[in-house]
Amino acid sequence: MKMKHYLDILNDLETLKGELSFVQTAPEQAVIAAYNVDYRHEIETILKEDIEIAGKEYEIARKRYEACRPLTYEEERDMRYLTDLELGAIC
């Protein structure tokens, strides 16, 4: 019978240690992975809600800006024209 070289034995020991480590941590890793999936789903839900809220806030701010902004030259000219037309200044 041929004897194994001591480096081969050390290699086998390292391989077995790696396998043992994986077997010991596999259940823990499965729990962590499941937790991370739940956590990511929760974050995605919160982000979707935040995006919806931000969209609504943007619409409100846009409407307020439109209501309060100064008129452009063209808008002012058109309003003057319509006012003059209503008052009969323009025939």
PDB file of N, CA and C in Angstrom:
ATOM      1  N   MET A   1       0.839  -1.174   0.000  1.00  0.00           N
ATOM      2  CA  MET A   1       0.000   0.000   0.000  1.00  0.00           C
ATOM      3  C   MET A   1       0.886   1.240   0.000  1.00  0.00           C
ATOM      4  N   LYS A   2       0.522   2.173  -0.888  1.00  0.00           N
ATOM      5  CA  LYS A   2       1.303   3.396  -1.031  1.00  0.00           C
ATOM      6  C   LYS A   2       0.824   4.422  -0.011  1.00  0.00           C
ATOM      7  N   MET A   3       1.765   5.060   0.649  1.00  0.00           N
ATOM      8  CA  MET A   3       1.403   6.072   1.653  1.00  0.00           C
ATOM      9  C   MET A   3       1.178   7.413   0.966  1.00  0.00           C
ATOM     10  N   LYS A   4       0.245   8.166   1.491  1.00  0.00           N
ATOM     11  CA  LYS A   4      -0.040   9.499   0.954  1.00  0.00           C
ATOM     12  C   LYS A   4       1.052  10.461   1.398  1.00  0.00           C
ATOM     13  N   HIS A   5       1.318  11.375   0.523  1.00  0.00           N
ATOM     14  CA  HIS A   5       2.270  12.430   0.852  1.00  0.00           C
ATOM     15  C   HIS A   5       1.600  13.350   1.868  1.00  0.00           C
ATOM     16  N   TYR A   6       2.378  13.934   2.749  1.00  0.00           N
ATOM     17  CA  TYR A   6       1.781  14.767   3.803  1.00  0.00           C
ATOM     18  C   TYR A   6       1.056  15.981   3.222  1.00  0.00           C
ATOM     19  N   LEU A   7       1.508  16.490   2.058  1.00  0.00           N
ATOM     20  CA  LEU A   7       0.803  17.625   1.440  1.00  0.00           C
ATOM     21  C   LEU A   7      -0.580  17.198   0.931  1.00  0.00           C
ATOM     22  N   ASP A   8      -0.683  15.963   0.442  1.00  0.00           N
ATOM     23  CA  ASP A   8      -1.989  15.447   0.014  1.00  0.00           C
ATOM     24  C   ASP A   8      -2.938  15.327   1.202  1.00  0.00           C
ATOM     25  N   ILE A   9      -2.389  14.888   2.322  1.00  0.00           N
ATOM     26  CA  ILE A   9      -3.205  14.762   3.535  1.00  0.00           C
ATOM     27  C   ILE A   9      -3.680  16.139   3.993  1.00  0.00           C
ATOM     28  N   LEU A  10      -2.781  17.133   3.968  1.00  0.00           N
ATOM     29  CA  LEU A  10      -3.172  18.502   4.342  1.00  0.00           C
ATOM     30  C   LEU A  10      -4.241  19.041   3.391  1.00  0.00           C
ATOM     31  N   ASN A  11      -4.083  18.738   2.111  1.00  0.00           N
ATOM     32  CA  ASN A  11      -5.081  19.154   1.120  1.00  0.00           C
ATOM     33  C   ASN A  11      -6.441  18.549   1.431  1.00  0.00           C
ATOM     34  N   ASP A  12      -6.448  17.250   1.728  1.00  0.00           N
ATOM     35  CA  ASP A  12      -7.700  16.566   2.070  1.00  0.00           C
ATOM     36  C   ASP A  12      -8.338  17.176   3.314  1.00  0.00           C
ATOM     37  N   LEU A  13      -7.492  17.500   4.300  1.00  0.00           N
ATOM     38  CA  LEU A  13      -8.010  18.114   5.532  1.00  0.00           C
ATOM     39  C   LEU A  13      -8.639  19.478   5.246  1.00  0.00           C
ATOM     40  N   GLU A  14      -7.978  20.276   4.429  1.00  0.00           N
ATOM     41  CA  GLU A  14      -8.527  21.594   4.073  1.00  0.00           C
ATOM     42  C   GLU A  14      -9.858  21.440   3.336  1.00  0.00           C
ATOM     43  N   THR A  15      -9.939  20.474   2.442  1.00  0.00           N
ATOM     44  CA  THR A  15     -11.181  20.222   1.708  1.00  0.00           C
ATOM     45  C   THR A  15     -12.298  19.833   2.669  1.00  0.00           C
ATOM     46  N   LEU A  16     -11.983  18.937   3.594  1.00  0.00           N
ATOM     47  CA  LEU A  16     -12.992  18.511   4.568  1.00  0.00           C
ATOM     48  C   LEU A  16     -13.425  19.666   5.464  1.00  0.00           C
ATOM     49  N   LYS A  17     -12.472  20.525   5.857  1.00  0.00           N
ATOM     50  CA  LYS A  17     -12.831  21.686   6.688  1.00  0.00           C
ATOM     51  C   LYS A  17     -13.784  22.610   5.931  1.00  0.00           C
ATOM     52  N   GLY A  18     -13.511  22.812   4.650  1.00  0.00           N
ATOM     53  CA  GLY A  18     -14.385  23.656   3.833  1.00  0.00           C
ATOM     54  C   GLY A  18     -15.780  23.082   3.724  1.00  0.00           C
ATOM     55  N   GLU A  19     -15.861  21.762   3.508  1.00  0.00           N
ATOM     56  CA  GLU A  19     -17.170  21.113   3.410  1.00  0.00           C
ATOM     57  C   GLU A  19     -17.920  21.178   4.734  1.00  0.00           C
ATOM     58  N   LEU A  20     -17.210  20.971   5.823  1.00  0.00           N
ATOM     59  CA  LEU A  20     -17.828  21.037   7.144  1.00  0.00           C
ATOM     60  C   LEU A  20     -18.333  22.448   7.423  1.00  0.00           C
ATOM     61  N   SER A  21     -17.543  23.436   7.058  1.00  0.00           N
ATOM     62  CA  SER A  21     -17.942  24.826   7.264  1.00  0.00           C
ATOM     63  C   SER A  21     -19.217  25.132   6.487  1.00  0.00           C
ATOM     64  N   PHE A  22     -19.288  24.641   5.237  1.00  0.00           N
ATOM     65  CA  PHE A  22     -20.473  24.876   4.422  1.00  0.00           C
ATOM     66  C   PHE A  22     -21.696  24.212   5.047  1.00  0.00           C
ATOM     67  N   VAL A  23     -21.529  22.968   5.512  1.00  0.00           N
ATOM     68  CA  VAL A  23     -22.649  22.238   6.120  1.00  0.00           C
ATOM     69  C   VAL A  23     -23.131  22.950   7.376  1.00  0.00           C
ATOM     70  N   GLN A  24     -22.208  23.516   8.142  1.00  0.00           N
ATOM     71  CA  GLN A  24     -22.591  24.193   9.380  1.00  0.00           C
ATOM     72  C   GLN A  24     -23.287  25.522   9.110  1.00  0.00           C
ATOM     73  N   THR A  25     -22.866  26.226   8.058  1.00  0.00           N
ATOM     74  CA  THR A  25     -23.430  27.564   7.818  1.00  0.00           C
ATOM     75  C   THR A  25     -24.583  27.563   6.818  1.00  0.00           C
ATOM     76  N   ALA A  26     -24.833  26.465   6.121  1.00  0.00           N
ATOM     77  CA  ALA A  26     -25.885  26.441   5.099  1.00  0.00           C
ATOM     78  C   ALA A  26     -27.256  26.821   5.652  1.00  0.00           C
ATOM     79  N   PRO A  27     -27.707  26.250   6.785  1.00  0.00           N
ATOM     80  CA  PRO A  27     -29.021  26.649   7.303  1.00  0.00           C
ATOM     81  C   PRO A  27     -29.058  28.131   7.681  1.00  0.00           C
ATOM     82  N   GLU A  28     -27.974  28.602   8.262  1.00  0.00           N
ATOM     83  CA  GLU A  28     -27.905  30.015   8.644  1.00  0.00           C
ATOM     84  C   GLU A  28     -27.970  30.899   7.401  1.00  0.00           C
ATOM     85  N   GLN A  29     -27.255  30.507   6.346  1.00  0.00           N
ATOM     86  CA  GLN A  29     -27.270  31.277   5.104  1.00  0.00           C
ATOM     87  C   GLN A  29     -28.659  31.268   4.472  1.00  0.00           C
ATOM     88  N   ALA A  30     -29.367  30.158   4.583  1.00  0.00           N
ATOM     89  CA  ALA A  30     -30.724  30.081   4.029  1.00  0.00           C
ATOM     90  C   ALA A  30     -31.655  31.051   4.747  1.00  0.00           C
ATOM     91  N   VAL A  31     -31.521  31.132   6.061  1.00  0.00           N
ATOM     92  CA  VAL A  31     -32.345  32.067   6.840  1.00  0.00           C
ATOM     93  C   VAL A  31     -32.003  33.501   6.463  1.00  0.00           C
ATOM     94  N   ILE A  32     -30.710  33.792   6.345  1.00  0.00           N
ATOM     95  CA  ILE A  32     -30.279  35.147   5.974  1.00  0.00           C
ATOM     96  C   ILE A  32     -30.792  35.499   4.581  1.00  0.00           C
ATOM     97  N   ALA A  33     -30.712  34.561   3.643  1.00  0.00           N
ATOM     98  CA  ALA A  33     -31.191  34.813   2.280  1.00  0.00           C
ATOM     99  C   ALA A  33     -32.693  35.086   2.277  1.00  0.00           C
ATOM    100  N   ALA A  34     -33.449  34.306   3.023  1.00  0.00           N
ATOM    101  CA  ALA A  34     -34.905  34.522   3.096  1.00  0.00           C
ATOM    102  C   ALA A  34     -35.212  35.879   3.712  1.00  0.00           C
ATOM    103  N   TYR A  35     -34.477  36.236   4.742  1.00  0.00           N
ATOM    104  CA  TYR A  35     -34.672  37.536   5.383  1.00  0.00           C
ATOM    105  C   TYR A  35     -34.359  38.662   4.407  1.00  0.00           C
ATOM    106  N   ASN A  36     -33.271  38.509   3.644  1.00  0.00           N
ATOM    107  CA  ASN A  36     -32.897  39.542   2.676  1.00  0.00           C
ATOM    108  C   ASN A  36     -33.954  39.709   1.598  1.00  0.00           C
ATOM    109  N   VAL A  37     -34.571  38.603   1.161  1.00  0.00           N
ATOM    110  CA  VAL A  37     -35.633  38.693   0.153  1.00  0.00           C
ATOM    111  C   VAL A  37     -36.816  39.475   0.724  1.00  0.00           C
ATOM    112  N   ASP A  38     -37.225  39.157   1.954  1.00  0.00           N
ATOM    113  CA  ASP A  38     -38.329  39.883   2.591  1.00  0.00           C
ATOM    114  C   ASP A  38     -37.979  41.352   2.750  1.00  0.00           C
ATOM    115  N   TYR A  39     -36.756  41.618   3.166  1.00  0.00           N
ATOM    116  CA  TYR A  39     -36.308  42.985   3.394  1.00  0.00           C
ATOM    117  C   TYR A  39     -36.317  43.776   2.085  1.00  0.00           C
ATOM    118  N   ARG A  40     -35.824  43.145   0.996  1.00  0.00           N
ATOM    119  CA  ARG A  40     -35.822  43.819  -0.304  1.00  0.00           C
ATOM    120  C   ARG A  40     -37.243  44.108  -0.772  1.00  0.00           C
ATOM    121  N   HIS A  41     -38.150  43.167  -0.558  1.00  0.00           N
ATOM    122  CA  HIS A  41     -39.548  43.372  -0.955  1.00  0.00           C
ATOM    123  C   HIS A  41     -40.140  44.555  -0.186  1.00  0.00           C
ATOM    124  N   GLU A  42     -39.833  44.630   1.103  1.00  0.00           N
ATOM    125  CA  GLU A  42     -40.337  45.729   1.927  1.00  0.00           C
ATOM    126  C   GLU A  42     -39.778  47.063   1.438  1.00  0.00           C
ATOM    127  N   ILE A  43     -38.498  47.093   1.105  1.00  0.00           N
ATOM    128  CA  ILE A  43     -37.879  48.324   0.601  1.00  0.00           C
ATOM    129  C   ILE A  43     -38.520  48.726  -0.723  1.00  0.00           C
ATOM    130  N   GLU A  44     -38.734  47.763  -1.625  1.00  0.00           N
ATOM    131  CA  GLU A  44     -39.369  48.068  -2.909  1.00  0.00           C
ATOM    132  C   GLU A  44     -40.765  48.647  -2.707  1.00  0.00           C
ATOM    133  N   THR A  45     -41.523  48.096  -1.775  1.00  0.00           N
ATOM    134  CA  THR A  45     -42.866  48.596  -1.490  1.00  0.00           C
ATOM    135  C   THR A  45     -42.805  50.029  -0.981  1.00  0.00           C
ATOM    136  N   ILE A  46     -41.895  50.284  -0.057  1.00  0.00           N
ATOM    137  CA  ILE A  46     -41.747  51.637   0.491  1.00  0.00           C
ATOM    138  C   ILE A  46     -41.335  52.608  -0.605  1.00  0.00           C
ATOM    139  N   LEU A  47     -40.397  52.203  -1.468  1.00  0.00           N
ATOM    140  CA  LEU A  47     -39.953  53.080  -2.549  1.00  0.00           C
ATOM    141  C   LEU A  47     -41.093  53.387  -3.515  1.00  0.00           C
ATOM    142  N   LYS A  48     -41.906  52.380  -3.841  1.00  0.00           N
ATOM    143  CA  LYS A  48     -43.041  52.619  -4.734  1.00  0.00           C
ATOM    144  C   LYS A  48     -44.004  53.629  -4.117  1.00  0.00           C
ATOM    145  N   GLU A  49     -44.270  53.473  -2.822  1.00  0.00           N
ATOM    146  CA  GLU A  49     -45.166  54.417  -2.140  1.00  0.00           C
ATOM    147  C   GLU A  49     -44.560  55.815  -2.139  1.00  0.00           C
ATOM    148  N   ASP A  50     -43.252  55.914  -1.876  1.00  0.00           N
ATOM    149  CA  ASP A  50     -42.582  57.216  -1.874  1.00  0.00           C
ATOM    150  C   ASP A  50     -42.630  57.867  -3.248  1.00  0.00           C
ATOM    151  N   ILE A  51     -42.467  57.059  -4.295  1.00  0.00           N
ATOM    152  CA  ILE A  51     -42.517  57.596  -5.656  1.00  0.00           C
ATOM    153  C   ILE A  51     -43.918  58.113  -5.963  1.00  0.00           C
ATOM    154  N   GLU A  52     -44.940  57.375  -5.549  1.00  0.00           N
ATOM    155  CA  GLU A  52     -46.321  57.826  -5.765  1.00  0.00           C
ATOM    156  C   GLU A  52     -46.585  59.132  -5.024  1.00  0.00           C
ATOM    157  N   ILE A  53     -46.139  59.215  -3.775  1.00  0.00           N
ATOM    158  CA  ILE A  53     -46.321  60.436  -2.981  1.00  0.00           C
ATOM    159  C   ILE A  53     -45.581  61.592  -3.632  1.00  0.00           C
ATOM    160  N   ALA A  54     -44.345  61.345  -4.062  1.00  0.00           N
ATOM    161  CA  ALA A  54     -43.559  62.402  -4.705  1.00  0.00           C
ATOM    162  C   ALA A  54     -44.239  62.874  -5.983  1.00  0.00           C
ATOM    163  N   GLY A  55     -44.832  61.946  -6.736  1.00  0.00           N
ATOM    164  CA  GLY A  55     -45.542  62.321  -7.957  1.00  0.00           C
ATOM    165  C   GLY A  55     -46.740  63.204  -7.657  1.00  0.00           C
ATOM    166  N   LYS A  56     -47.486  62.863  -6.603  1.00  0.00           N
ATOM    167  CA  LYS A  56     -48.639  63.677  -6.214  1.00  0.00           C
ATOM    168  C   LYS A  56     -48.195  65.054  -5.732  1.00  0.00           C
ATOM    169  N   GLU A  57     -47.116  65.082  -4.935  1.00  0.00           N
ATOM    170  CA  GLU A  57     -46.602  66.366  -4.454  1.00  0.00           C
ATOM    171  C   GLU A  57     -46.125  67.226  -5.619  1.00  0.00           C
ATOM    172  N   TYR A  58     -45.509  66.598  -6.620  1.00  0.00           N
ATOM    173  CA  TYR A  58     -45.055  67.332  -7.794  1.00  0.00           C
ATOM    174  C   TYR A  58     -46.239  67.945  -8.530  1.00  0.00           C
ATOM    175  N   GLU A  59     -47.300  67.175  -8.705  1.00  0.00           N
ATOM    176  CA  GLU A  59     -48.485  67.691  -9.398  1.00  0.00           C
ATOM    177  C   GLU A  59     -49.087  68.882  -8.654  1.00  0.00           C
ATOM    178  N   ILE A  60     -49.169  68.784  -7.330  1.00  0.00           N
ATOM    179  CA  ILE A  60     -49.698  69.893  -6.522  1.00  0.00           C
ATOM    180  C   ILE A  60     -48.812  71.119  -6.686  1.00  0.00           C
ATOM    181  N   ALA A  61     -47.498  70.925  -6.594  1.00  0.00           N
ATOM    182  CA  ALA A  61     -46.565  72.050  -6.727  1.00  0.00           C
ATOM    183  C   ALA A  61     -46.652  72.663  -8.121  1.00  0.00           C
ATOM    184  N   ARG A  62     -46.799  71.825  -9.153  1.00  0.00           N
ATOM    185  CA  ARG A  62     -46.900  72.334 -10.520  1.00  0.00           C
ATOM    186  C   ARG A  62     -48.165  73.170 -10.692  1.00  0.00           C
ATOM    187  N   LYS A  63     -49.284  72.682 -10.137  1.00  0.00           N
ATOM    188  CA  LYS A  63     -50.536  73.438 -10.241  1.00  0.00           C
ATOM    189  C   LYS A  63     -50.443  74.764  -9.495  1.00  0.00           C
ATOM    190  N   ARG A  64     -49.811  74.751  -8.319  1.00  0.00           N
ATOM    191  CA  ARG A  64     -49.637  75.999  -7.569  1.00  0.00           C
ATOM    192  C   ARG A  64     -48.762  76.979  -8.342  1.00  0.00           C
ATOM    193  N   TYR A  65     -47.705  76.468  -8.949  1.00  0.00           N
ATOM    194  CA  TYR A  65     -46.826  77.335  -9.728  1.00  0.00           C
ATOM    195  C   TYR A  65     -47.587  77.932 -10.899  1.00  0.00           C
ATOM    196  N   GLU A  66     -48.324  77.086 -11.607  1.00  0.00           N
ATOM    197  CA  GLU A  66     -49.092  77.578 -12.752  1.00  0.00           C
ATOM    198  C   GLU A  66     -50.091  78.652 -12.326  1.00  0.00           C
ATOM    199  N   ALA A  67     -50.697  78.488 -11.153  1.00  0.00           N
ATOM    200  CA  ALA A  67     -51.695  79.449 -10.679  1.00  0.00           C
ATOM    201  C   ALA A  67     -51.056  80.763 -10.237  1.00  0.00           C
ATOM    202  N   CYS A  68     -49.823  80.712  -9.750  1.00  0.00           N
ATOM    203  CA  CYS A  68     -49.212  81.905  -9.156  1.00  0.00           C
ATOM    204  C   CYS A  68     -48.121  82.546 -10.008  1.00  0.00           C
ATOM    205  N   ARG A  69     -47.702  81.904 -11.052  1.00  0.00           N
ATOM    206  CA  ARG A  69     -46.582  82.461 -11.823  1.00  0.00           C
ATOM    207  C   ARG A  69     -47.032  83.705 -12.584  1.00  0.00           C
ATOM    208  N   PRO A  70     -46.091  84.586 -12.877  1.00  0.00           N
ATOM    209  CA  PRO A  70     -46.456  85.764 -13.672  1.00  0.00           C
ATOM    210  C   PRO A  70     -46.778  85.348 -15.114  1.00  0.00           C
ATOM    211  N   LEU A  71     -47.637  86.137 -15.745  1.00  0.00           N
ATOM    212  CA  LEU A  71     -48.008  85.830 -17.123  1.00  0.00           C
ATOM    213  C   LEU A  71     -46.844  86.119 -18.061  1.00  0.00           C
ATOM    214  N   THR A  72     -46.763  85.337 -19.119  1.00  0.00           N
ATOM    215  CA  THR A  72     -45.774  85.628 -20.154  1.00  0.00           C
ATOM    216  C   THR A  72     -46.289  86.799 -20.977  1.00  0.00           C
ATOM    217  N   TYR A  73     -45.421  87.364 -21.779  1.00  0.00           N
ATOM    218  CA  TYR A  73     -45.818  88.484 -22.624  1.00  0.00           C
ATOM    219  C   TYR A  73     -46.983  88.091 -23.528  1.00  0.00           C
ATOM    220  N   GLU A  74     -46.887  86.896 -24.110  1.00  0.00           N
ATOM    221  CA  GLU A  74     -47.935  86.442 -25.026  1.00  0.00           C
ATOM    222  C   GLU A  74     -49.267  86.261 -24.305  1.00  0.00           C
ATOM    223  N   GLU A  75     -49.230  85.693 -23.100  1.00  0.00           N
ATOM    224  CA  GLU A  75     -50.463  85.498 -22.330  1.00  0.00           C
ATOM    225  C   GLU A  75     -51.076  86.844 -21.947  1.00  0.00           C
ATOM    226  N   GLU A  76     -50.230  87.782 -21.564  1.00  0.00           N
ATOM    227  CA  GLU A  76     -50.722  89.111 -21.193  1.00  0.00           C
ATOM    228  C   GLU A  76     -51.357  89.803 -22.400  1.00  0.00           C
ATOM    229  N   ARG A  77     -50.701  89.704 -23.554  1.00  0.00           N
ATOM    230  CA  ARG A  77     -51.215  90.308 -24.783  1.00  0.00           C
ATOM    231  C   ARG A  77     -52.563  89.700 -25.150  1.00  0.00           C
ATOM    232  N   ASP A  78     -52.657  88.360 -25.053  1.00  0.00           N
ATOM    233  CA  ASP A  78     -53.920  87.690 -25.377  1.00  0.00           C
ATOM    234  C   ASP A  78     -55.029  88.117 -24.422  1.00  0.00           C
ATOM    235  N   MET A  79     -54.702  88.262 -23.137  1.00  0.00           N
ATOM    236  CA  MET A  79     -55.723  88.683 -22.167  1.00  0.00           C
ATOM    237  C   MET A  79     -56.182  90.110 -22.451  1.00  0.00           C
ATOM    238  N   ARG A  80     -55.224  90.982 -22.789  1.00  0.00           N
ATOM    239  CA  ARG A  80     -55.609  92.360 -23.122  1.00  0.00           C
ATOM    240  C   ARG A  80     -56.510  92.383 -24.352  1.00  0.00           C
ATOM    241  N   TYR A  81     -56.172  91.564 -25.339  1.00  0.00           N
ATOM    242  CA  TYR A  81     -56.973  91.492 -26.556  1.00  0.00           C
ATOM    243  C   TYR A  81     -58.388  91.025 -26.235  1.00  0.00           C
ATOM    244  N   LEU A  82     -58.503  89.950 -25.422  1.00  0.00           N
ATOM    245  CA  LEU A  82     -59.826  89.436 -25.057  1.00  0.00           C
ATOM    246  C   LEU A  82     -60.613  90.459 -24.245  1.00  0.00           C
ATOM    247  N   THR A  83     -59.940  91.163 -23.345  1.00  0.00           N
ATOM    248  CA  THR A  83     -60.615  92.187 -22.539  1.00  0.00           C
ATOM    249  C   THR A  83     -61.122  93.311 -23.433  1.00  0.00           C
ATOM    250  N   ASP A  84     -60.249  93.756 -24.343  1.00  0.00           N
ATOM    251  CA  ASP A  84     -60.665  94.814 -25.271  1.00  0.00           C
ATOM    252  C   ASP A  84     -61.815  94.340 -26.151  1.00  0.00           C
ATOM    253  N   LEU A  85     -61.774  93.092 -26.555  1.00  0.00           N
ATOM    254  CA  LEU A  85     -62.826  92.534 -27.395  1.00  0.00           C
ATOM    255  C   LEU A  85     -64.150  92.499 -26.634  1.00  0.00           C
ATOM    256  N   GLU A  86     -64.090  92.093 -25.347  1.00  0.00           N
ATOM    257  CA  GLU A  86     -65.298  92.029 -24.525  1.00  0.00           C
ATOM    258  C   GLU A  86     -65.866  93.421 -24.266  1.00  0.00           C
ATOM    259  N   LEU A  87     -64.997  94.392 -24.117  1.00  0.00           N
ATOM    260  CA  LEU A  87     -65.464  95.752 -23.843  1.00  0.00           C
ATOM    261  C   LEU A  87     -65.917  96.470 -25.109  1.00  0.00           C
ATOM    262  N   GLY A  88     -65.705  95.853 -26.247  1.00  0.00           N
ATOM    263  CA  GLY A  88     -66.153  96.452 -27.491  1.00  0.00           C
ATOM    264  C   GLY A  88     -65.175  97.440 -28.066  1.00  0.00           C
ATOM    265  N   ALA A  89     -63.965  97.483 -27.532  1.00  0.00           N
ATOM    266  CA  ALA A  89     -62.971  98.413 -28.052  1.00  0.00           C
ATOM    267  C   ALA A  89     -62.477  97.959 -29.418  1.00  0.00           C
ATOM    268  N   ILE A  90     -62.569  96.653 -29.666  1.00  0.00           N
ATOM    269  CA  ILE A  90     -62.143  96.130 -30.967  1.00  0.00           C
ATOM    270  C   ILE A  90     -63.395  95.643 -31.683  1.00  0.00           C
ATOM    271  N   CYS A  91     -63.568  96.053 -32.914  1.00  0.00           N
ATOM    272  CA  CYS A  91     -64.749  95.637 -33.679  1.00  0.00           C
ATOM    273  C   CYS A  91     -64.427  94.544 -34.646  1.00  0.00           C
TER     274      CYS A  91
END
